[in-house]
Amino acid sequence: MKKVKKQYKKPNFIFRALGGFTAPIRGLGFLLKNFGLIRYAVFPMIINAILVVIIYIFGTKLLLGYMDRLIPDEKAWYWMVLFWIAAVFTVILFLLVTAIIFYIIGGIICLPFNELLSQRVEAIVLGKAHEEPFSFRVITKDIGYALTHEILKSTIYLFILVFILPLFFIGLFTVVVSIIFTVIFNIITWMFLAYDYFDHPLGRRRIPFADKMRFVYKNLPSSLGFGAAAFLFLYVPFLNLILIPLNVIGGTKLFFEIQKWYGEMEYRDISPRGKKRKELKK
């Protein structure tokens, strides 16, 4: 008799988006229930703290120096109006740039630690250990593969930002264009943030870069909801140092929640490390 795999009812768009948005908070609950995971989250927190201090010290110094040069010698009211417009624009741009720098550099530096944390979460969720031991030797062996995808992802993301940057400048004078830019920027950023945290379980299965992006797109409601929450956490001072490991936990759990909706791995040709994908199709 042919065994029928259990199929879970796939939630609607809203519930999937809410499930993605609450994933980091549910990650906190998972961490409290499995508090031994905290030792894997400590190093990313320390690294992120150092990175935030460095970026904001140098960034603030550059910002204040630039603002001093913007102050007009003329005291006429129209010069002051232009100054405040330029000041607001500069501060917004500063916040965006620092967040993007923190996101890209922090993601690359913390990659081995986040991968180790995600591996432990996967072992707990699936109820079994990964087929390879949890060690930095394993992480080091795969670092070239992970870094290649990370650099490729960051390059594509920056290219898209440069491409839509003219909309940002036009939007300073046109409300409609400003709204269009904001929508495009947020959607793109949320999708790439979701990719970042889905990348850990997908990467362990040697999924090609294009298929990883396809996974994000195919599960767009969950991806946008999760990416929106991760994006908001980037702008919470100091608290974002703690929340980033929660994104790793929440993203890994969300990945396996998505698989339950299909009763099995959504990509039937996903394979563990090193196995040829076609072997799983037999």
C-alpha atoms as a PDB file:
ATOM      1  CA  MET A   1       0.000   0.000   0.000  1.00  0.00           C
ATOM      2  CA  LYS A   2       1.434   3.351  -1.011  1.00  0.00           C
ATOM      3  CA  LYS A   3       2.231   5.592   1.924  1.00  0.00           C
ATOM      4  CA  VAL A   4       0.505   8.957   1.725  1.00  0.00           C
ATOM      5  CA  LYS A   5       2.399  11.861   3.218  1.00  0.00           C
ATOM      6  CA  LYS A   6       0.464  14.095   5.551  1.00  0.00           C
ATOM      7  CA  GLN A   7      -0.507  17.396   3.954  1.00  0.00           C
ATOM      8  CA  TYR A   8      -1.024  20.485   6.084  1.00  0.00           C
ATOM      9  CA  LYS A   9      -3.508  23.105   5.013  1.00  0.00           C
ATOM     10  CA  LYS A  10      -1.603  26.016   3.530  1.00  0.00           C
ATOM     11  CA  PRO A  11      -2.523  29.292   5.306  1.00  0.00           C
ATOM     12  CA  ASN A  12      -3.837  32.236   3.294  1.00  0.00           C
ATOM     13  CA  PHE A  13      -1.779  35.268   2.296  1.00  0.00           C
ATOM     14  CA  ILE A  14      -2.469  37.288   5.469  1.00  0.00           C
ATOM     15  CA  PHE A  15      -1.679  34.466   7.880  1.00  0.00           C
ATOM     16  CA  ARG A  16       1.528  33.646   6.009  1.00  0.00           C
ATOM     17  CA  ALA A  17       2.590  37.311   6.138  1.00  0.00           C
ATOM     18  CA  LEU A  18       1.771  37.513   9.861  1.00  0.00           C
ATOM     19  CA  GLY A  19       3.569  34.232  10.442  1.00  0.00           C
ATOM     20  CA  GLY A  20       6.654  35.678   8.780  1.00  0.00           C
ATOM     21  CA  PHE A  21       6.402  38.961  10.687  1.00  0.00           C
ATOM     22  CA  THR A  22       6.138  37.230  14.072  1.00  0.00           C
ATOM     23  CA  ALA A  23       8.909  34.706  13.322  1.00  0.00           C
ATOM     24  CA  PRO A  24      11.645  36.674  15.191  1.00  0.00           C
ATOM     25  CA  ILE A  25       9.407  37.019  18.275  1.00  0.00           C
ATOM     26  CA  ARG A  26       8.614  33.308  18.146  1.00  0.00           C
ATOM     27  CA  GLY A  27      12.358  32.820  17.816  1.00  0.00           C
ATOM     28  CA  LEU A  28      12.696  34.431  21.254  1.00  0.00           C
ATOM     29  CA  GLY A  29      10.248  31.916  22.709  1.00  0.00           C
ATOM     30  CA  PHE A  30      12.211  29.100  21.072  1.00  0.00           C
ATOM     31  CA  LEU A  31      15.452  30.460  22.553  1.00  0.00           C
ATOM     32  CA  LEU A  32      13.957  30.627  26.054  1.00  0.00           C
ATOM     33  CA  LYS A  33      12.776  27.020  25.760  1.00  0.00           C
ATOM     34  CA  ASN A  34      16.200  25.938  24.479  1.00  0.00           C
ATOM     35  CA  PHE A  35      18.409  28.308  26.428  1.00  0.00           C
ATOM     36  CA  GLY A  36      21.533  26.336  25.609  1.00  0.00           C
ATOM     37  CA  LEU A  37      21.417  28.061  22.210  1.00  0.00           C
ATOM     38  CA  ILE A  38      22.455  31.327  23.858  1.00  0.00           C
ATOM     39  CA  ARG A  39      26.124  30.347  23.670  1.00  0.00           C
ATOM     40  CA  TYR A  40      25.850  30.295  19.871  1.00  0.00           C
ATOM     41  CA  ALA A  41      24.242  33.753  19.853  1.00  0.00           C
ATOM     42  CA  VAL A  42      26.770  35.492  22.123  1.00  0.00           C
ATOM     43  CA  PHE A  43      29.549  35.896  19.548  1.00  0.00           C
ATOM     44  CA  PRO A  44      27.311  37.499  16.879  1.00  0.00           C
ATOM     45  CA  MET A  45      26.002  39.903  19.543  1.00  0.00           C
ATOM     46  CA  ILE A  46      29.536  40.933  20.536  1.00  0.00           C
ATOM     47  CA  ILE A  47      30.648  41.314  16.907  1.00  0.00           C
ATOM     48  CA  ASN A  48      27.546  43.349  16.047  1.00  0.00           C
ATOM     49  CA  ALA A  49      28.088  45.577  19.090  1.00  0.00           C
ATOM     50  CA  ILE A  50      31.668  46.351  18.038  1.00  0.00           C
ATOM     51  CA  LEU A  51      30.570  46.917  14.448  1.00  0.00           C
ATOM     52  CA  VAL A  52      27.759  49.287  15.458  1.00  0.00           C
ATOM     53  CA  VAL A  53      30.111  51.362  17.628  1.00  0.00           C
ATOM     54  CA  ILE A  54      32.711  51.641  14.838  1.00  0.00           C
ATOM     55  CA  ILE A  55      30.170  52.509  12.127  1.00  0.00           C
ATOM     56  CA  TYR A  56      28.313  55.091  14.186  1.00  0.00           C
ATOM     57  CA  ILE A  57      31.429  56.757  15.625  1.00  0.00           C
ATOM     58  CA  PHE A  58      33.010  57.254  12.206  1.00  0.00           C
ATOM     59  CA  GLY A  59      29.662  57.859  10.535  1.00  0.00           C
ATOM     60  CA  THR A  60      28.586  60.498  13.052  1.00  0.00           C
ATOM     61  CA  LYS A  61      31.950  62.242  12.760  1.00  0.00           C
ATOM     62  CA  LEU A  62      31.586  62.422   8.978  1.00  0.00           C
ATOM     63  CA  LEU A  63      27.953  63.520   9.271  1.00  0.00           C
ATOM     64  CA  LEU A  64      28.686  66.363  11.702  1.00  0.00           C
ATOM     65  CA  GLY A  65      31.610  67.558   9.581  1.00  0.00           C
ATOM     66  CA  TYR A  66      29.415  67.580   6.482  1.00  0.00           C
ATOM     67  CA  MET A  67      26.600  69.385   8.319  1.00  0.00           C
ATOM     68  CA  ASP A  68      29.029  72.114   9.406  1.00  0.00           C
ATOM     69  CA  ARG A  69      29.939  72.724   5.783  1.00  0.00           C
ATOM     70  CA  LEU A  70      26.254  72.951   4.871  1.00  0.00           C
ATOM     71  CA  ILE A  71      25.543  75.834   7.256  1.00  0.00           C
ATOM     72  CA  PRO A  72      25.122  78.908   5.016  1.00  0.00           C
ATOM     73  CA  ASP A  73      27.070  82.105   5.621  1.00  0.00           C
ATOM     74  CA  GLU A  74      24.020  84.059   4.553  1.00  0.00           C
ATOM     75  CA  LYS A  75      21.286  84.368   7.188  1.00  0.00           C
ATOM     76  CA  ALA A  76      18.445  84.987   4.733  1.00  0.00           C
ATOM     77  CA  TRP A  77      15.380  82.839   5.417  1.00  0.00           C
ATOM     78  CA  TYR A  78      15.507  81.013   2.081  1.00  0.00           C
ATOM     79  CA  TRP A  79      19.069  79.883   2.739  1.00  0.00           C
ATOM     80  CA  MET A  80      18.001  78.491   6.108  1.00  0.00           C
ATOM     81  CA  VAL A  81      15.081  76.665   4.468  1.00  0.00           C
ATOM     82  CA  LEU A  82      17.459  75.085   1.963  1.00  0.00           C
ATOM     83  CA  PHE A  83      19.813  74.182   4.808  1.00  0.00           C
ATOM     84  CA  TRP A  84      17.114  72.344   6.764  1.00  0.00           C
ATOM     85  CA  ILE A  85      15.924  70.502   3.646  1.00  0.00           C
ATOM     86  CA  ALA A  86      19.505  69.422   2.948  1.00  0.00           C
ATOM     87  CA  ALA A  87      19.978  68.500   6.620  1.00  0.00           C
ATOM     88  CA  VAL A  88      16.901  66.260   6.696  1.00  0.00           C
ATOM     89  CA  PHE A  89      17.934  64.622   3.414  1.00  0.00           C
ATOM     90  CA  THR A  90      21.470  64.047   4.757  1.00  0.00           C
ATOM     91  CA  VAL A  91      20.277  62.467   8.014  1.00  0.00           C
ATOM     92  CA  ILE A  92      17.884  60.122   6.183  1.00  0.00           C
ATOM     93  CA  LEU A  93      20.619  59.125   3.749  1.00  0.00           C
ATOM     94  CA  PHE A  94      23.029  58.622   6.666  1.00  0.00           C
ATOM     95  CA  LEU A  95      20.612  56.261   8.438  1.00  0.00           C
ATOM     96  CA  LEU A  96      20.009  54.271   5.243  1.00  0.00           C
ATOM     97  CA  VAL A  97      23.706  53.986   4.396  1.00  0.00           C
ATOM     98  CA  THR A  98      24.779  53.006   7.927  1.00  0.00           C
ATOM     99  CA  ALA A  99      22.021  50.382   8.134  1.00  0.00           C
ATOM    100  CA  ILE A 100      23.031  48.919   4.750  1.00  0.00           C
ATOM    101  CA  ILE A 101      26.732  48.878   5.713  1.00  0.00           C
ATOM    102  CA  PHE A 102      25.900  47.205   9.024  1.00  0.00           C
ATOM    103  CA  TYR A 103      23.650  44.693   7.236  1.00  0.00           C
ATOM    104  CA  ILE A 104      26.237  43.725   4.592  1.00  0.00           C
ATOM    105  CA  ILE A 105      29.449  43.733   6.658  1.00  0.00           C
ATOM    106  CA  GLY A 106      27.790  42.254   9.727  1.00  0.00           C
ATOM    107  CA  GLY A 107      26.227  39.499   7.628  1.00  0.00           C
ATOM    108  CA  ILE A 108      29.595  38.482   6.175  1.00  0.00           C
ATOM    109  CA  ILE A 109      31.539  38.619   9.474  1.00  0.00           C
ATOM    110  CA  CYS A 110      28.865  36.825  11.520  1.00  0.00           C
ATOM    111  CA  LEU A 111      28.146  34.227   8.836  1.00  0.00           C
ATOM    112  CA  PRO A 112      30.010  31.294  10.503  1.00  0.00           C
ATOM    113  CA  PHE A 113      28.423  31.967  13.909  1.00  0.00           C
ATOM    114  CA  ASN A 114      24.920  32.406  12.496  1.00  0.00           C
ATOM    115  CA  GLU A 115      25.344  29.214  10.479  1.00  0.00           C
ATOM    116  CA  LEU A 116      26.280  27.283  13.606  1.00  0.00           C
ATOM    117  CA  LEU A 117      23.263  28.699  15.462  1.00  0.00           C
ATOM    118  CA  SER A 118      20.972  27.780  12.570  1.00  0.00           C
ATOM    119  CA  GLN A 119      22.363  24.230  12.502  1.00  0.00           C
ATOM    120  CA  ARG A 120      21.514  23.757  16.167  1.00  0.00           C
ATOM    121  CA  VAL A 121      18.005  25.119  15.642  1.00  0.00           C
ATOM    122  CA  GLU A 122      17.490  22.719  12.738  1.00  0.00           C
ATOM    123  CA  ALA A 123      18.611  19.767  14.855  1.00  0.00           C
ATOM    124  CA  ILE A 124      16.095  20.681  17.579  1.00  0.00           C
ATOM    125  CA  VAL A 125      13.230  21.349  15.146  1.00  0.00           C
ATOM    126  CA  LEU A 126      13.746  18.097  13.225  1.00  0.00           C
ATOM    127  CA  GLY A 127      14.463  16.111  16.380  1.00  0.00           C
ATOM    128  CA  LYS A 128      17.719  14.768  15.042  1.00  0.00           C
ATOM    129  CA  ALA A 129      21.265  15.959  14.617  1.00  0.00           C
ATOM    130  CA  HIS A 130      22.591  17.049  11.261  1.00  0.00           C
ATOM    131  CA  GLU A 131      24.480  14.372   9.362  1.00  0.00           C
ATOM    132  CA  GLU A 132      27.729  16.275   9.943  1.00  0.00           C
ATOM    133  CA  PRO A 133      29.106  17.263  13.366  1.00  0.00           C
ATOM    134  CA  PHE A 134      28.581  20.806  14.584  1.00  0.00           C
ATOM    135  CA  SER A 135      32.055  22.287  14.458  1.00  0.00           C
ATOM    136  CA  PHE A 136      33.938  25.216  13.055  1.00  0.00           C
ATOM    137  CA  ARG A 137      35.769  22.751  10.808  1.00  0.00           C
ATOM    138  CA  VAL A 138      32.521  22.056   8.963  1.00  0.00           C
ATOM    139  CA  ILE A 139      31.737  25.761   8.779  1.00  0.00           C
ATOM    140  CA  THR A 140      35.239  26.538   7.475  1.00  0.00           C
ATOM    141  CA  LYS A 141      34.919  23.869   4.781  1.00  0.00           C
ATOM    142  CA  ASP A 142      31.775  25.522   3.433  1.00  0.00           C
ATOM    143  CA  ILE A 143      32.782  29.147   3.961  1.00  0.00           C
ATOM    144  CA  GLY A 144      33.832  29.638   0.329  1.00  0.00           C
ATOM    145  CA  TYR A 145      30.451  28.443  -0.909  1.00  0.00           C
ATOM    146  CA  ALA A 146      28.557  30.627   1.576  1.00  0.00           C
ATOM    147  CA  LEU A 147      30.695  33.717   1.003  1.00  0.00           C
ATOM    148  CA  THR A 148      30.322  33.428  -2.767  1.00  0.00           C
ATOM    149  CA  HIS A 149      26.542  33.552  -2.448  1.00  0.00           C
ATOM    150  CA  GLU A 150      26.717  36.301   0.183  1.00  0.00           C
ATOM    151  CA  ILE A 151      28.900  38.516  -2.008  1.00  0.00           C
ATOM    152  CA  LEU A 152      26.714  37.784  -5.057  1.00  0.00           C
ATOM    153  CA  LYS A 153      23.590  38.680  -3.086  1.00  0.00           C
ATOM    154  CA  SER A 154      25.124  41.904  -1.736  1.00  0.00           C
ATOM    155  CA  THR A 155      26.324  42.914  -5.209  1.00  0.00           C
ATOM    156  CA  ILE A 156      22.871  42.418  -6.732  1.00  0.00           C
ATOM    157  CA  TYR A 157      21.230  44.291  -3.855  1.00  0.00           C
ATOM    158  CA  LEU A 158      23.592  47.270  -4.170  1.00  0.00           C
ATOM    159  CA  PHE A 159      23.146  47.307  -7.955  1.00  0.00           C
ATOM    160  CA  ILE A 160      19.359  47.510  -7.533  1.00  0.00           C
ATOM    161  CA  LEU A 161      19.718  50.325  -4.983  1.00  0.00           C
ATOM    162  CA  VAL A 162      21.940  52.310  -7.350  1.00  0.00           C
ATOM    163  CA  PHE A 163      19.437  51.690 -10.156  1.00  0.00           C
ATOM    164  CA  ILE A 164      16.481  53.084  -8.154  1.00  0.00           C
ATOM    165  CA  LEU A 165      18.479  55.880  -6.467  1.00  0.00           C
ATOM    166  CA  PRO A 166      17.309  58.535  -8.992  1.00  0.00           C
ATOM    167  CA  LEU A 167      13.756  57.935  -7.746  1.00  0.00           C
ATOM    168  CA  PHE A 168      14.915  58.923  -4.268  1.00  0.00           C
ATOM    169  CA  PHE A 169      16.196  62.309  -5.448  1.00  0.00           C
ATOM    170  CA  ILE A 170      13.131  62.950  -7.612  1.00  0.00           C
ATOM    171  CA  GLY A 171      10.952  61.950  -4.670  1.00  0.00           C
ATOM    172  CA  LEU A 172      12.313  64.873  -2.656  1.00  0.00           C
ATOM    173  CA  PHE A 173      10.172  67.114  -4.836  1.00  0.00           C
ATOM    174  CA  THR A 174       7.354  64.755  -5.890  1.00  0.00           C
ATOM    175  CA  VAL A 175       5.173  62.898  -3.389  1.00  0.00           C
ATOM    176  CA  VAL A 176       4.037  60.216  -5.855  1.00  0.00           C
ATOM    177  CA  VAL A 177       7.604  59.323  -6.858  1.00  0.00           C
ATOM    178  CA  SER A 178       8.615  59.322  -3.189  1.00  0.00           C
ATOM    179  CA  ILE A 179       5.896  56.776  -2.433  1.00  0.00           C
ATOM    180  CA  ILE A 180       6.941  54.644  -5.423  1.00  0.00           C
ATOM    181  CA  PHE A 181      10.575  54.672  -4.271  1.00  0.00           C
ATOM    182  CA  THR A 182       9.606  53.781  -0.697  1.00  0.00           C
ATOM    183  CA  VAL A 183       7.473  50.836  -1.833  1.00  0.00           C
ATOM    184  CA  ILE A 184      10.143  49.478  -4.210  1.00  0.00           C
ATOM    185  CA  PHE A 185      12.957  49.978  -1.686  1.00  0.00           C
ATOM    186  CA  ASN A 186      11.044  48.245   1.109  1.00  0.00           C
ATOM    187  CA  ILE A 187       9.936  45.270  -0.985  1.00  0.00           C
ATOM    188  CA  ILE A 188      13.445  44.681  -2.355  1.00  0.00           C
ATOM    189  CA  THR A 189      15.064  45.087   1.077  1.00  0.00           C
ATOM    190  CA  TRP A 190      12.547  42.819   2.806  1.00  0.00           C
ATOM    191  CA  MET A 191      13.050  40.100   0.190  1.00  0.00           C
ATOM    192  CA  PHE A 192      16.837  40.194   0.513  1.00  0.00           C
ATOM    193  CA  LEU A 193      16.621  40.172   4.314  1.00  0.00           C
ATOM    194  CA  ALA A 194      14.379  37.107   4.155  1.00  0.00           C
ATOM    195  CA  TYR A 195      16.880  35.506   1.776  1.00  0.00           C
ATOM    196  CA  ASP A 196      19.634  36.099   4.341  1.00  0.00           C
ATOM    197  CA  TYR A 197      17.985  33.974   7.008  1.00  0.00           C
ATOM    198  CA  PHE A 198      16.476  31.324   4.721  1.00  0.00           C
ATOM    199  CA  ASP A 199      19.961  30.977   3.265  1.00  0.00           C
ATOM    200  CA  HIS A 200      21.233  28.975   6.247  1.00  0.00           C
ATOM    201  CA  PRO A 201      19.000  25.876   5.859  1.00  0.00           C
ATOM    202  CA  LEU A 202      18.973  26.244   2.061  1.00  0.00           C
ATOM    203  CA  GLY A 203      22.760  26.556   1.926  1.00  0.00           C
ATOM    204  CA  ARG A 204      23.222  23.368   3.939  1.00  0.00           C
ATOM    205  CA  ARG A 205      21.360  21.600   1.143  1.00  0.00           C
ATOM    206  CA  ARG A 206      23.630  23.032  -1.556  1.00  0.00           C
ATOM    207  CA  ILE A 207      20.810  24.882  -3.287  1.00  0.00           C
ATOM    208  CA  PRO A 208      22.012  27.078  -6.202  1.00  0.00           C
ATOM    209  CA  PHE A 209      21.715  30.829  -5.743  1.00  0.00           C
ATOM    210  CA  ALA A 210      18.918  31.198  -8.307  1.00  0.00           C
ATOM    211  CA  ASP A 211      16.848  28.504  -6.571  1.00  0.00           C
ATOM    212  CA  LYS A 212      17.315  30.235  -3.224  1.00  0.00           C
ATOM    213  CA  MET A 213      15.911  33.434  -4.680  1.00  0.00           C
ATOM    214  CA  ARG A 214      13.100  31.410  -6.247  1.00  0.00           C
ATOM    215  CA  PHE A 215      12.240  30.011  -2.806  1.00  0.00           C
ATOM    216  CA  VAL A 216      11.948  33.562  -1.427  1.00  0.00           C
ATOM    217  CA  TYR A 217       9.728  34.619  -4.332  1.00  0.00           C
ATOM    218  CA  LYS A 218       7.551  31.497  -4.241  1.00  0.00           C
ATOM    219  CA  ASN A 219       6.867  32.127  -0.548  1.00  0.00           C
ATOM    220  CA  LEU A 220       6.492  35.888  -0.954  1.00  0.00           C
ATOM    221  CA  PRO A 221       3.938  36.547   1.849  1.00  0.00           C
ATOM    222  CA  SER A 222       6.126  34.835   4.458  1.00  0.00           C
ATOM    223  CA  SER A 223       9.263  36.425   2.991  1.00  0.00           C
ATOM    224  CA  LEU A 224       7.869  39.970   3.031  1.00  0.00           C
ATOM    225  CA  GLY A 225       6.437  39.602   6.531  1.00  0.00           C
ATOM    226  CA  PHE A 226       9.672  38.206   7.919  1.00  0.00           C
ATOM    227  CA  GLY A 227      11.822  40.692   6.001  1.00  0.00           C
ATOM    228  CA  ALA A 228       9.719  43.612   7.279  1.00  0.00           C
ATOM    229  CA  ALA A 229      10.250  42.533  10.896  1.00  0.00           C
ATOM    230  CA  ALA A 230      13.993  42.051  10.340  1.00  0.00           C
ATOM    231  CA  PHE A 231      14.164  45.485   8.663  1.00  0.00           C
ATOM    232  CA  LEU A 232      12.462  47.192  11.617  1.00  0.00           C
ATOM    233  CA  PHE A 233      14.891  45.525  14.008  1.00  0.00           C
ATOM    234  CA  LEU A 234      17.838  47.045  12.144  1.00  0.00           C
ATOM    235  CA  TYR A 235      16.728  50.495  13.307  1.00  0.00           C
ATOM    236  CA  VAL A 236      16.195  49.673  16.992  1.00  0.00           C
ATOM    237  CA  PRO A 237      19.314  51.090  18.716  1.00  0.00           C
ATOM    238  CA  PHE A 238      21.267  48.537  20.762  1.00  0.00           C
ATOM    239  CA  LEU A 239      18.304  46.151  20.811  1.00  0.00           C
ATOM    240  CA  ASN A 240      19.154  45.173  17.230  1.00  0.00           C
ATOM    241  CA  LEU A 241      22.295  43.474  18.581  1.00  0.00           C
ATOM    242  CA  ILE A 242      20.073  40.954  20.381  1.00  0.00           C
ATOM    243  CA  LEU A 243      17.409  40.710  17.700  1.00  0.00           C
ATOM    244  CA  ILE A 244      19.688  39.600  14.857  1.00  0.00           C
ATOM    245  CA  PRO A 245      20.316  36.144  16.407  1.00  0.00           C
ATOM    246  CA  LEU A 246      16.544  35.909  16.907  1.00  0.00           C
ATOM    247  CA  ASN A 247      16.183  36.481  13.154  1.00  0.00           C
ATOM    248  CA  VAL A 248      18.457  33.486  12.559  1.00  0.00           C
ATOM    249  CA  ILE A 249      16.375  31.307  14.884  1.00  0.00           C
ATOM    250  CA  GLY A 250      13.062  32.613  13.570  1.00  0.00           C
ATOM    251  CA  GLY A 251      14.126  32.325   9.924  1.00  0.00           C
ATOM    252  CA  THR A 252      15.286  28.732  10.334  1.00  0.00           C
ATOM    253  CA  LYS A 253      12.057  27.745  12.105  1.00  0.00           C
ATOM    254  CA  LEU A 254       9.972  29.546   9.487  1.00  0.00           C
ATOM    255  CA  PHE A 255      11.751  27.634   6.722  1.00  0.00           C
ATOM    256  CA  PHE A 256      10.628  24.310   8.179  1.00  0.00           C
ATOM    257  CA  GLU A 257       7.137  25.619   8.886  1.00  0.00           C
ATOM    258  CA  ILE A 258       6.842  26.388   5.176  1.00  0.00           C
ATOM    259  CA  GLN A 259       7.857  22.805   4.365  1.00  0.00           C
ATOM    260  CA  LYS A 260       5.009  21.447   6.508  1.00  0.00           C
ATOM    261  CA  TRP A 261       2.473  23.146   4.251  1.00  0.00           C
ATOM    262  CA  TYR A 262       3.596  20.821   1.462  1.00  0.00           C
ATOM    263  CA  GLY A 263       3.882  17.668   3.569  1.00  0.00           C
ATOM    264  CA  GLU A 264       7.527  17.349   2.539  1.00  0.00           C
ATOM    265  CA  MET A 265      10.403  19.506   1.371  1.00  0.00           C
ATOM    266  CA  GLU A 266       8.993  21.978  -1.140  1.00  0.00           C
ATOM    267  CA  TYR A 267      11.994  21.395  -3.396  1.00  0.00           C
ATOM    268  CA  ARG A 268      11.953  17.630  -3.766  1.00  0.00           C
ATOM    269  CA  ASP A 269      15.460  17.743  -5.208  1.00  0.00           C
ATOM    270  CA  ILE A 270      16.937  19.490  -2.145  1.00  0.00           C
ATOM    271  CA  SER A 271      19.735  17.282  -0.918  1.00  0.00           C
ATOM    272  CA  PRO A 272      21.994  17.300   2.138  1.00  0.00           C
ATOM    273  CA  ARG A 273      25.590  18.410   1.779  1.00  0.00           C
ATOM    274  CA  GLY A 274      27.515  16.875  -1.070  1.00  0.00           C
ATOM    275  CA  LYS A 275      24.797  14.559  -2.444  1.00  0.00           C
ATOM    276  CA  LYS A 276      23.767  14.954  -6.047  1.00  0.00           C
ATOM    277  CA  ARG A 277      20.302  16.439  -6.271  1.00  0.00           C
ATOM    278  CA  LYS A 278      19.130  13.840  -8.787  1.00  0.00           C
ATOM    279  CA  GLU A 279      19.637  11.075  -6.186  1.00  0.00           C
ATOM    280  CA  LEU A 280      16.678  12.363  -4.216  1.00  0.00           C
ATOM    281  CA  LYS A 281      14.372  12.088  -7.217  1.00  0.00           C
ATOM    282  CA  LYS A 282      14.685   8.312  -7.425  1.00  0.00           C
END
